[in-house]
């Protein structure tokens, strides 16, 4: 006799705390990434790499942190829940790398429609891979399956969100506009995550959890690492000269900083 049962899934164990915090982190990462990219685009192409790398780190860490924070509120009734740490870290690396590729393409190739579409598809699919790789790291006492139409919808949202974010990195000028764009990007990223989570079904079959680690045991060191990346990018923006196209005030004479390729006078 088959005793397998479909588990009840709860993505809001702590109410709206996880979604709200996840959204705010996604917005912070997007805002910092937008400002880093804006600074990069005021420099000659051969001097943009430092700012673009910071933008990729901020965007990628923001997106991944949103996913991880949201997953802290995810539970499976009648089952334990642990994570494969190497796979979890790999999903973080994927997020940063694919966002870096997308930003790098538009940062060096310009903002033609073709470039934006290629970059958007690449980055969006990469973000989706990050999410489902993170889900593959999740170990429960049963089999995890997905609803195909919802998976396709989540990938489509990721591609649309990535394309919009890349367009905004090239076209948004000024702090206020960047903050507004970051709020929109945050909505899109969170929508992608919860659409993907709606696709999940867990069928309990009594299998052992294996050698995974509860999220609570590695959440703190990961959070510290993410905050360091975002803080470094934010401090770099605060201490760097304002770009003349930002509309934030008069341009300041640039100071040479090797990482960012700006010239000292």
C-alpha atoms as a PDB file:
ATOM      1  CA  UNK A   1       0.000   0.000   0.000  1.00  0.00           C
ATOM      2  CA  UNK A   2       1.254   3.462  -0.874  1.00  0.00           C
ATOM      3  CA  UNK A   3       1.389   5.637   2.238  1.00  0.00           C
ATOM      4  CA  UNK A   4       2.915   8.669   0.533  1.00  0.00           C
ATOM      5  CA  UNK A   5       1.103  11.901   1.350  1.00  0.00           C
ATOM      6  CA  UNK A   6       1.286  15.417  -0.006  1.00  0.00           C
ATOM      7  CA  UNK A   7       2.667  17.759   2.641  1.00  0.00           C
ATOM      8  CA  UNK A   8       1.204  21.123   3.520  1.00  0.00           C
ATOM      9  CA  UNK A   9       3.707  23.874   2.689  1.00  0.00           C
ATOM     10  CA  UNK A  10       3.855  27.168   4.548  1.00  0.00           C
ATOM     11  CA  UNK A  11       5.921  29.994   3.101  1.00  0.00           C
ATOM     12  CA  UNK A  12       4.891  32.470   5.790  1.00  0.00           C
ATOM     13  CA  UNK A  13       5.881  30.813   9.069  1.00  0.00           C
ATOM     14  CA  UNK A  14       6.613  34.215  10.598  1.00  0.00           C
ATOM     15  CA  UNK A  15       3.773  36.040   8.903  1.00  0.00           C
ATOM     16  CA  UNK A  16       4.796  38.942   6.692  1.00  0.00           C
ATOM     17  CA  UNK A  17       8.172  39.425   8.373  1.00  0.00           C
ATOM     18  CA  UNK A  18      10.147  37.312   5.888  1.00  0.00           C
ATOM     19  CA  UNK A  19       8.542  38.670   2.691  1.00  0.00           C
ATOM     20  CA  UNK A  20       8.904  42.275   3.837  1.00  0.00           C
ATOM     21  CA  UNK A  21      12.528  41.895   4.961  1.00  0.00           C
ATOM     22  CA  UNK A  22      13.337  39.920   1.797  1.00  0.00           C
ATOM     23  CA  UNK A  23      11.812  42.686  -0.333  1.00  0.00           C
ATOM     24  CA  UNK A  24      13.766  45.405   1.482  1.00  0.00           C
ATOM     25  CA  UNK A  25      17.057  43.536   1.032  1.00  0.00           C
ATOM     26  CA  UNK A  26      16.313  43.056  -2.677  1.00  0.00           C
ATOM     27  CA  UNK A  27      15.644  46.800  -2.968  1.00  0.00           C
ATOM     28  CA  UNK A  28      18.868  47.714  -1.156  1.00  0.00           C
ATOM     29  CA  UNK A  29      20.915  45.448  -3.420  1.00  0.00           C
ATOM     30  CA  UNK A  30      19.217  46.851  -6.525  1.00  0.00           C
ATOM     31  CA  UNK A  31      19.669  50.474  -5.415  1.00  0.00           C
ATOM     32  CA  UNK A  32      23.378  50.009  -4.724  1.00  0.00           C
ATOM     33  CA  UNK A  33      23.826  48.067  -7.958  1.00  0.00           C
ATOM     34  CA  UNK A  34      22.122  50.827  -9.950  1.00  0.00           C
ATOM     35  CA  UNK A  35      24.323  53.524  -8.442  1.00  0.00           C
ATOM     36  CA  UNK A  36      27.501  51.501  -9.030  1.00  0.00           C
ATOM     37  CA  UNK A  37      26.561  50.961 -12.658  1.00  0.00           C
ATOM     38  CA  UNK A  38      25.718  54.645 -13.093  1.00  0.00           C
ATOM     39  CA  UNK A  39      29.197  55.530 -11.834  1.00  0.00           C
ATOM     40  CA  UNK A  40      30.769  52.996 -14.185  1.00  0.00           C
ATOM     41  CA  UNK A  41      29.000  54.459 -17.208  1.00  0.00           C
ATOM     42  CA  UNK A  42      30.586  57.887 -16.603  1.00  0.00           C
ATOM     43  CA  UNK A  43      34.045  56.372 -17.152  1.00  0.00           C
ATOM     44  CA  UNK A  44      35.821  55.199 -20.267  1.00  0.00           C
ATOM     45  CA  UNK A  45      35.052  51.526 -21.062  1.00  0.00           C
ATOM     46  CA  UNK A  46      38.511  50.323 -20.043  1.00  0.00           C
ATOM     47  CA  UNK A  47      38.037  51.851 -16.571  1.00  0.00           C
ATOM     48  CA  UNK A  48      34.606  50.460 -15.697  1.00  0.00           C
ATOM     49  CA  UNK A  49      35.468  47.022 -14.359  1.00  0.00           C
ATOM     50  CA  UNK A  50      35.709  47.921 -10.659  1.00  0.00           C
ATOM     51  CA  UNK A  51      32.331  49.623 -10.485  1.00  0.00           C
ATOM     52  CA  UNK A  52      30.678  46.931 -12.609  1.00  0.00           C
ATOM     53  CA  UNK A  53      32.088  44.220 -10.323  1.00  0.00           C
ATOM     54  CA  UNK A  54      30.652  46.016  -7.288  1.00  0.00           C
ATOM     55  CA  UNK A  55      27.322  46.366  -9.088  1.00  0.00           C
ATOM     56  CA  UNK A  56      27.274  42.628  -9.812  1.00  0.00           C
ATOM     57  CA  UNK A  57      28.100  41.852  -6.190  1.00  0.00           C
ATOM     58  CA  UNK A  58      25.379  44.163  -4.871  1.00  0.00           C
ATOM     59  CA  UNK A  59      22.699  43.008  -7.317  1.00  0.00           C
ATOM     60  CA  UNK A  60      23.586  39.326  -7.021  1.00  0.00           C
ATOM     61  CA  UNK A  61      23.857  39.344  -3.233  1.00  0.00           C
ATOM     62  CA  UNK A  62      20.604  41.290  -2.960  1.00  0.00           C
ATOM     63  CA  UNK A  63      18.726  38.806  -5.147  1.00  0.00           C
ATOM     64  CA  UNK A  64      20.177  35.769  -3.391  1.00  0.00           C
ATOM     65  CA  UNK A  65      19.604  37.241   0.067  1.00  0.00           C
ATOM     66  CA  UNK A  66      15.975  37.860  -0.818  1.00  0.00           C
ATOM     67  CA  UNK A  67      15.644  34.172  -1.740  1.00  0.00           C
ATOM     68  CA  UNK A  68      17.412  32.967   1.408  1.00  0.00           C
ATOM     69  CA  UNK A  69      15.499  35.238   3.798  1.00  0.00           C
ATOM     70  CA  UNK A  70      12.202  34.206   2.237  1.00  0.00           C
ATOM     71  CA  UNK A  71      13.187  30.535   2.597  1.00  0.00           C
ATOM     72  CA  UNK A  72      13.789  31.027   6.335  1.00  0.00           C
ATOM     73  CA  UNK A  73      10.010  31.359   6.607  1.00  0.00           C
ATOM     74  CA  UNK A  74       9.348  28.182   4.576  1.00  0.00           C
ATOM     75  CA  UNK A  75       8.255  25.015   6.388  1.00  0.00           C
ATOM     76  CA  UNK A  76       7.033  21.562   5.380  1.00  0.00           C
ATOM     77  CA  UNK A  77       4.487  20.010   7.739  1.00  0.00           C
ATOM     78  CA  UNK A  78       5.493  16.628   9.213  1.00  0.00           C
ATOM     79  CA  UNK A  79       9.017  16.910   7.825  1.00  0.00           C
ATOM     80  CA  UNK A  80      12.371  18.272   8.854  1.00  0.00           C
ATOM     81  CA  UNK A  81      14.088  20.766   6.557  1.00  0.00           C
ATOM     82  CA  UNK A  82      17.850  21.075   6.061  1.00  0.00           C
ATOM     83  CA  UNK A  83      20.142  22.396   3.338  1.00  0.00           C
ATOM     84  CA  UNK A  84      23.169  21.183   1.435  1.00  0.00           C
ATOM     85  CA  UNK A  85      25.587  24.030   2.265  1.00  0.00           C
ATOM     86  CA  UNK A  86      27.922  23.641  -0.779  1.00  0.00           C
ATOM     87  CA  UNK A  87      24.926  23.759  -3.151  1.00  0.00           C
ATOM     88  CA  UNK A  88      23.547  26.756  -1.276  1.00  0.00           C
ATOM     89  CA  UNK A  89      26.845  28.610  -1.635  1.00  0.00           C
ATOM     90  CA  UNK A  90      27.009  27.610  -5.300  1.00  0.00           C
ATOM     91  CA  UNK A  91      23.605  29.218  -5.837  1.00  0.00           C
ATOM     92  CA  UNK A  92      25.002  32.465  -4.372  1.00  0.00           C
ATOM     93  CA  UNK A  93      27.985  32.298  -6.721  1.00  0.00           C
ATOM     94  CA  UNK A  94      25.676  31.703  -9.687  1.00  0.00           C
ATOM     95  CA  UNK A  95      23.612  34.767  -8.749  1.00  0.00           C
ATOM     96  CA  UNK A  96      26.653  37.054  -8.638  1.00  0.00           C
ATOM     97  CA  UNK A  97      28.267  35.634 -11.792  1.00  0.00           C
ATOM     98  CA  UNK A  98      25.196  35.732 -14.033  1.00  0.00           C
ATOM     99  CA  UNK A  99      24.261  39.241 -12.910  1.00  0.00           C
ATOM    100  CA  UNK A 100      27.866  40.248 -13.530  1.00  0.00           C
ATOM    101  CA  UNK A 101      27.690  38.842 -17.061  1.00  0.00           C
ATOM    102  CA  UNK A 102      24.487  40.737 -17.782  1.00  0.00           C
ATOM    103  CA  UNK A 103      25.785  44.014 -16.374  1.00  0.00           C
ATOM    104  CA  UNK A 104      29.116  43.509 -18.114  1.00  0.00           C
ATOM    105  CA  UNK A 105      27.482  43.015 -21.506  1.00  0.00           C
ATOM    106  CA  UNK A 106      25.380  46.176 -21.296  1.00  0.00           C
ATOM    107  CA  UNK A 107      28.206  48.058 -19.584  1.00  0.00           C
ATOM    108  CA  UNK A 108      30.621  47.434 -22.434  1.00  0.00           C
ATOM    109  CA  UNK A 109      28.329  46.820 -25.419  1.00  0.00           C
ATOM    110  CA  UNK A 110      25.849  49.659 -24.918  1.00  0.00           C
ATOM    111  CA  UNK A 111      22.079  49.815 -24.631  1.00  0.00           C
ATOM    112  CA  UNK A 112      20.838  48.643 -28.011  1.00  0.00           C
ATOM    113  CA  UNK A 113      17.638  46.607 -27.974  1.00  0.00           C
ATOM    114  CA  UNK A 114      19.467  43.464 -29.039  1.00  0.00           C
ATOM    115  CA  UNK A 115      22.089  43.825 -26.322  1.00  0.00           C
ATOM    116  CA  UNK A 116      19.457  44.388 -23.637  1.00  0.00           C
ATOM    117  CA  UNK A 117      17.420  41.379 -24.750  1.00  0.00           C
ATOM    118  CA  UNK A 118      20.420  39.045 -24.829  1.00  0.00           C
ATOM    119  CA  UNK A 119      21.618  40.291 -21.454  1.00  0.00           C
ATOM    120  CA  UNK A 120      18.120  40.122 -19.978  1.00  0.00           C
ATOM    121  CA  UNK A 121      17.529  36.545 -21.099  1.00  0.00           C
ATOM    122  CA  UNK A 122      20.973  35.454 -19.898  1.00  0.00           C
ATOM    123  CA  UNK A 123      20.626  37.153 -16.528  1.00  0.00           C
ATOM    124  CA  UNK A 124      16.987  36.158 -15.994  1.00  0.00           C
ATOM    125  CA  UNK A 125      17.653  32.509 -16.766  1.00  0.00           C
ATOM    126  CA  UNK A 126      20.671  32.663 -14.488  1.00  0.00           C
ATOM    127  CA  UNK A 127      18.576  34.066 -11.636  1.00  0.00           C
ATOM    128  CA  UNK A 128      16.078  31.250 -12.202  1.00  0.00           C
ATOM    129  CA  UNK A 129      18.931  28.724 -12.105  1.00  0.00           C
ATOM    130  CA  UNK A 130      20.057  30.315  -8.834  1.00  0.00           C
ATOM    131  CA  UNK A 131      16.591  29.858  -7.347  1.00  0.00           C
ATOM    132  CA  UNK A 132      16.119  26.248  -8.425  1.00  0.00           C
ATOM    133  CA  UNK A 133      19.691  25.359  -7.481  1.00  0.00           C
ATOM    134  CA  UNK A 134      18.911  26.734  -4.033  1.00  0.00           C
ATOM    135  CA  UNK A 135      15.773  24.603  -3.993  1.00  0.00           C
ATOM    136  CA  UNK A 136      17.828  21.558  -5.007  1.00  0.00           C
ATOM    137  CA  UNK A 137      19.917  22.207  -1.884  1.00  0.00           C
ATOM    138  CA  UNK A 138      16.772  21.815   0.235  1.00  0.00           C
ATOM    139  CA  UNK A 139      16.384  18.355   1.793  1.00  0.00           C
ATOM    140  CA  UNK A 140      13.038  17.136   3.141  1.00  0.00           C
ATOM    141  CA  UNK A 141      11.586  13.756   4.100  1.00  0.00           C
ATOM    142  CA  UNK A 142      10.019  13.270   0.707  1.00  0.00           C
ATOM    143  CA  UNK A 143      10.150  14.036  -3.007  1.00  0.00           C
ATOM    144  CA  UNK A 144      10.027  17.601  -4.337  1.00  0.00           C
ATOM    145  CA  UNK A 145       8.202  18.179  -7.623  1.00  0.00           C
ATOM    146  CA  UNK A 146       7.238  21.263  -9.611  1.00  0.00           C
ATOM    147  CA  UNK A 147       4.243  22.499 -11.576  1.00  0.00           C
ATOM    148  CA  UNK A 148       5.653  23.142 -15.060  1.00  0.00           C
ATOM    149  CA  UNK A 149       3.448  26.128 -16.052  1.00  0.00           C
ATOM    150  CA  UNK A 150       4.358  27.943 -12.832  1.00  0.00           C
ATOM    151  CA  UNK A 151       8.045  27.183 -13.346  1.00  0.00           C
ATOM    152  CA  UNK A 152       7.820  28.664 -16.846  1.00  0.00           C
ATOM    153  CA  UNK A 153       5.993  31.685 -15.430  1.00  0.00           C
ATOM    154  CA  UNK A 154       8.698  32.199 -12.794  1.00  0.00           C
ATOM    155  CA  UNK A 155      11.432  32.087 -15.448  1.00  0.00           C
ATOM    156  CA  UNK A 156       9.487  34.556 -17.607  1.00  0.00           C
ATOM    157  CA  UNK A 157       9.159  36.920 -14.637  1.00  0.00           C
ATOM    158  CA  UNK A 158      12.893  36.568 -13.940  1.00  0.00           C
ATOM    159  CA  UNK A 159      13.770  37.398 -17.554  1.00  0.00           C
ATOM    160  CA  UNK A 160      11.401  40.382 -17.621  1.00  0.00           C
ATOM    161  CA  UNK A 161      12.723  41.629 -14.274  1.00  0.00           C
ATOM    162  CA  UNK A 162      16.346  41.227 -15.360  1.00  0.00           C
ATOM    163  CA  UNK A 163      15.749  43.022 -18.659  1.00  0.00           C
ATOM    164  CA  UNK A 164      13.988  45.888 -16.890  1.00  0.00           C
ATOM    165  CA  UNK A 165      16.744  46.123 -14.275  1.00  0.00           C
ATOM    166  CA  UNK A 166      19.465  46.189 -16.933  1.00  0.00           C
ATOM    167  CA  UNK A 167      17.573  48.871 -18.852  1.00  0.00           C
ATOM    168  CA  UNK A 168      17.300  50.908 -15.671  1.00  0.00           C
ATOM    169  CA  UNK A 169      21.034  50.598 -14.967  1.00  0.00           C
ATOM    170  CA  UNK A 170      21.692  52.424 -18.240  1.00  0.00           C
ATOM    171  CA  UNK A 171      18.835  54.919 -18.253  1.00  0.00           C
ATOM    172  CA  UNK A 172      18.067  55.856 -14.648  1.00  0.00           C
ATOM    173  CA  UNK A 173      19.756  59.099 -13.590  1.00  0.00           C
ATOM    174  CA  UNK A 174      19.786  60.596 -10.123  1.00  0.00           C
ATOM    175  CA  UNK A 175      19.321  59.185  -6.649  1.00  0.00           C
ATOM    176  CA  UNK A 176      15.531  59.564  -6.481  1.00  0.00           C
ATOM    177  CA  UNK A 177      15.033  57.795  -9.812  1.00  0.00           C
ATOM    178  CA  UNK A 178      17.413  55.011  -8.766  1.00  0.00           C
ATOM    179  CA  UNK A 179      15.471  54.462  -5.547  1.00  0.00           C
ATOM    180  CA  UNK A 180      12.199  54.266  -7.473  1.00  0.00           C
ATOM    181  CA  UNK A 181      13.730  51.815  -9.931  1.00  0.00           C
ATOM    182  CA  UNK A 182      15.056  49.728  -7.030  1.00  0.00           C
ATOM    183  CA  UNK A 183      11.575  49.499  -5.500  1.00  0.00           C
ATOM    184  CA  UNK A 184      10.213  48.229  -8.829  1.00  0.00           C
ATOM    185  CA  UNK A 185      13.065  45.733  -9.222  1.00  0.00           C
ATOM    186  CA  UNK A 186      12.410  44.457  -5.692  1.00  0.00           C
ATOM    187  CA  UNK A 187       8.764  43.782  -6.502  1.00  0.00           C
ATOM    188  CA  UNK A 188       9.734  41.833  -9.624  1.00  0.00           C
ATOM    189  CA  UNK A 189      12.330  39.695  -7.833  1.00  0.00           C
ATOM    190  CA  UNK A 190       9.978  38.855  -4.954  1.00  0.00           C
ATOM    191  CA  UNK A 191       7.187  38.045  -7.434  1.00  0.00           C
ATOM    192  CA  UNK A 192       9.518  35.644  -9.231  1.00  0.00           C
ATOM    193  CA  UNK A 193      10.446  33.916  -5.961  1.00  0.00           C
ATOM    194  CA  UNK A 194       6.909  33.358  -4.707  1.00  0.00           C
ATOM    195  CA  UNK A 195       5.680  32.280  -8.144  1.00  0.00           C
ATOM    196  CA  UNK A 196       8.440  29.665  -8.159  1.00  0.00           C
ATOM    197  CA  UNK A 197       7.532  28.582  -4.620  1.00  0.00           C
ATOM    198  CA  UNK A 198       3.889  28.188  -5.638  1.00  0.00           C
ATOM    199  CA  UNK A 199       5.112  25.573  -8.131  1.00  0.00           C
ATOM    200  CA  UNK A 200       6.483  23.324  -5.360  1.00  0.00           C
ATOM    201  CA  UNK A 201       4.833  20.120  -4.163  1.00  0.00           C
ATOM    202  CA  UNK A 202       6.381  17.866  -1.514  1.00  0.00           C
ATOM    203  CA  UNK A 203       5.260  14.229  -1.337  1.00  0.00           C
ATOM    204  CA  UNK A 204       6.271  12.724   1.996  1.00  0.00           C
ATOM    205  CA  UNK A 205       7.691   9.203   1.730  1.00  0.00           C
ATOM    206  CA  UNK A 206       9.689   8.840   4.940  1.00  0.00           C
ATOM    207  CA  UNK A 207      13.127   9.158   3.368  1.00  0.00           C
ATOM    208  CA  UNK A 208      15.911  10.324   5.743  1.00  0.00           C
ATOM    209  CA  UNK A 209      17.093  13.927   5.593  1.00  0.00           C
ATOM    210  CA  UNK A 210      20.728  13.054   5.021  1.00  0.00           C
ATOM    211  CA  UNK A 211      23.650  15.209   6.107  1.00  0.00           C
ATOM    212  CA  UNK A 212      22.209  18.659   5.509  1.00  0.00           C
ATOM    213  CA  UNK A 213      22.423  21.657   7.829  1.00  0.00           C
ATOM    214  CA  UNK A 214      19.508  23.649   9.277  1.00  0.00           C
ATOM    215  CA  UNK A 215      19.375  27.152   7.823  1.00  0.00           C
ATOM    216  CA  UNK A 216      19.600  28.668  11.292  1.00  0.00           C
ATOM    217  CA  UNK A 217      23.129  27.288  11.724  1.00  0.00           C
ATOM    218  CA  UNK A 218      24.665  29.116   8.758  1.00  0.00           C
ATOM    219  CA  UNK A 219      22.324  32.081   8.364  1.00  0.00           C
ATOM    220  CA  UNK A 220      24.405  34.415  10.556  1.00  0.00           C
ATOM    221  CA  UNK A 221      27.804  34.021   8.821  1.00  0.00           C
ATOM    222  CA  UNK A 222      26.144  34.299   5.420  1.00  0.00           C
ATOM    223  CA  UNK A 223      24.250  37.404   6.519  1.00  0.00           C
ATOM    224  CA  UNK A 224      27.474  39.002   7.767  1.00  0.00           C
ATOM    225  CA  UNK A 225      29.213  38.265   4.465  1.00  0.00           C
ATOM    226  CA  UNK A 226      26.350  39.714   2.422  1.00  0.00           C
ATOM    227  CA  UNK A 227      26.194  42.834   4.586  1.00  0.00           C
ATOM    228  CA  UNK A 228      29.941  43.362   4.133  1.00  0.00           C
ATOM    229  CA  UNK A 229      29.589  43.260   0.337  1.00  0.00           C
ATOM    230  CA  UNK A 230      26.670  45.704   0.365  1.00  0.00           C
ATOM    231  CA  UNK A 231      28.432  47.967   2.865  1.00  0.00           C
ATOM    232  CA  UNK A 232      31.632  48.096   0.789  1.00  0.00           C
ATOM    233  CA  UNK A 233      29.650  49.021  -2.321  1.00  0.00           C
ATOM    234  CA  UNK A 234      27.610  51.602  -0.435  1.00  0.00           C
ATOM    235  CA  UNK A 235      30.695  53.202   1.135  1.00  0.00           C
ATOM    236  CA  UNK A 236      32.418  53.301  -2.252  1.00  0.00           C
ATOM    237  CA  UNK A 237      29.452  55.212  -3.670  1.00  0.00           C
ATOM    238  CA  UNK A 238      29.341  57.603  -0.726  1.00  0.00           C
ATOM    239  CA  UNK A 239      33.063  58.401  -0.901  1.00  0.00           C
ATOM    240  CA  UNK A 240      33.410  58.613  -4.677  1.00  0.00           C
ATOM    241  CA  UNK A 241      32.929  61.823  -6.685  1.00  0.00           C
ATOM    242  CA  UNK A 242      29.414  62.451  -7.963  1.00  0.00           C
ATOM    243  CA  UNK A 243      29.034  61.843 -11.674  1.00  0.00           C
ATOM    244  CA  UNK A 244      28.137  64.927 -13.723  1.00  0.00           C
ATOM    245  CA  UNK A 245      25.130  63.258 -15.338  1.00  0.00           C
ATOM    246  CA  UNK A 246      23.443  62.262 -12.108  1.00  0.00           C
ATOM    247  CA  UNK A 247      21.696  65.537 -11.506  1.00  0.00           C
ATOM    248  CA  UNK A 248      22.736  65.363  -7.851  1.00  0.00           C
ATOM    249  CA  UNK A 249      24.919  68.446  -7.849  1.00  0.00           C
ATOM    250  CA  UNK A 250      28.097  69.780  -9.410  1.00  0.00           C
ATOM    251  CA  UNK A 251      30.693  67.280 -10.472  1.00  0.00           C
ATOM    252  CA  UNK A 252      33.698  66.849  -8.198  1.00  0.00           C
ATOM    253  CA  UNK A 253      37.212  66.461  -9.503  1.00  0.00           C
ATOM    254  CA  UNK A 254      37.800  62.694  -9.651  1.00  0.00           C
ATOM    255  CA  UNK A 255      40.352  61.002  -7.427  1.00  0.00           C
ATOM    256  CA  UNK A 256      42.397  58.103  -8.740  1.00  0.00           C
ATOM    257  CA  UNK A 257      41.292  54.857  -7.113  1.00  0.00           C
ATOM    258  CA  UNK A 258      42.813  51.856  -8.831  1.00  0.00           C
ATOM    259  CA  UNK A 259      39.753  49.651  -8.281  1.00  0.00           C
ATOM    260  CA  UNK A 260      37.493  52.113 -10.056  1.00  0.00           C
ATOM    261  CA  UNK A 261      39.937  53.504 -12.602  1.00  0.00           C
ATOM    262  CA  UNK A 262      39.356  57.169 -11.799  1.00  0.00           C
ATOM    263  CA  UNK A 263      42.178  59.650 -12.293  1.00  0.00           C
ATOM    264  CA  UNK A 264      43.916  61.569  -9.487  1.00  0.00           C
ATOM    265  CA  UNK A 265      44.514  65.293  -9.931  1.00  0.00           C
END
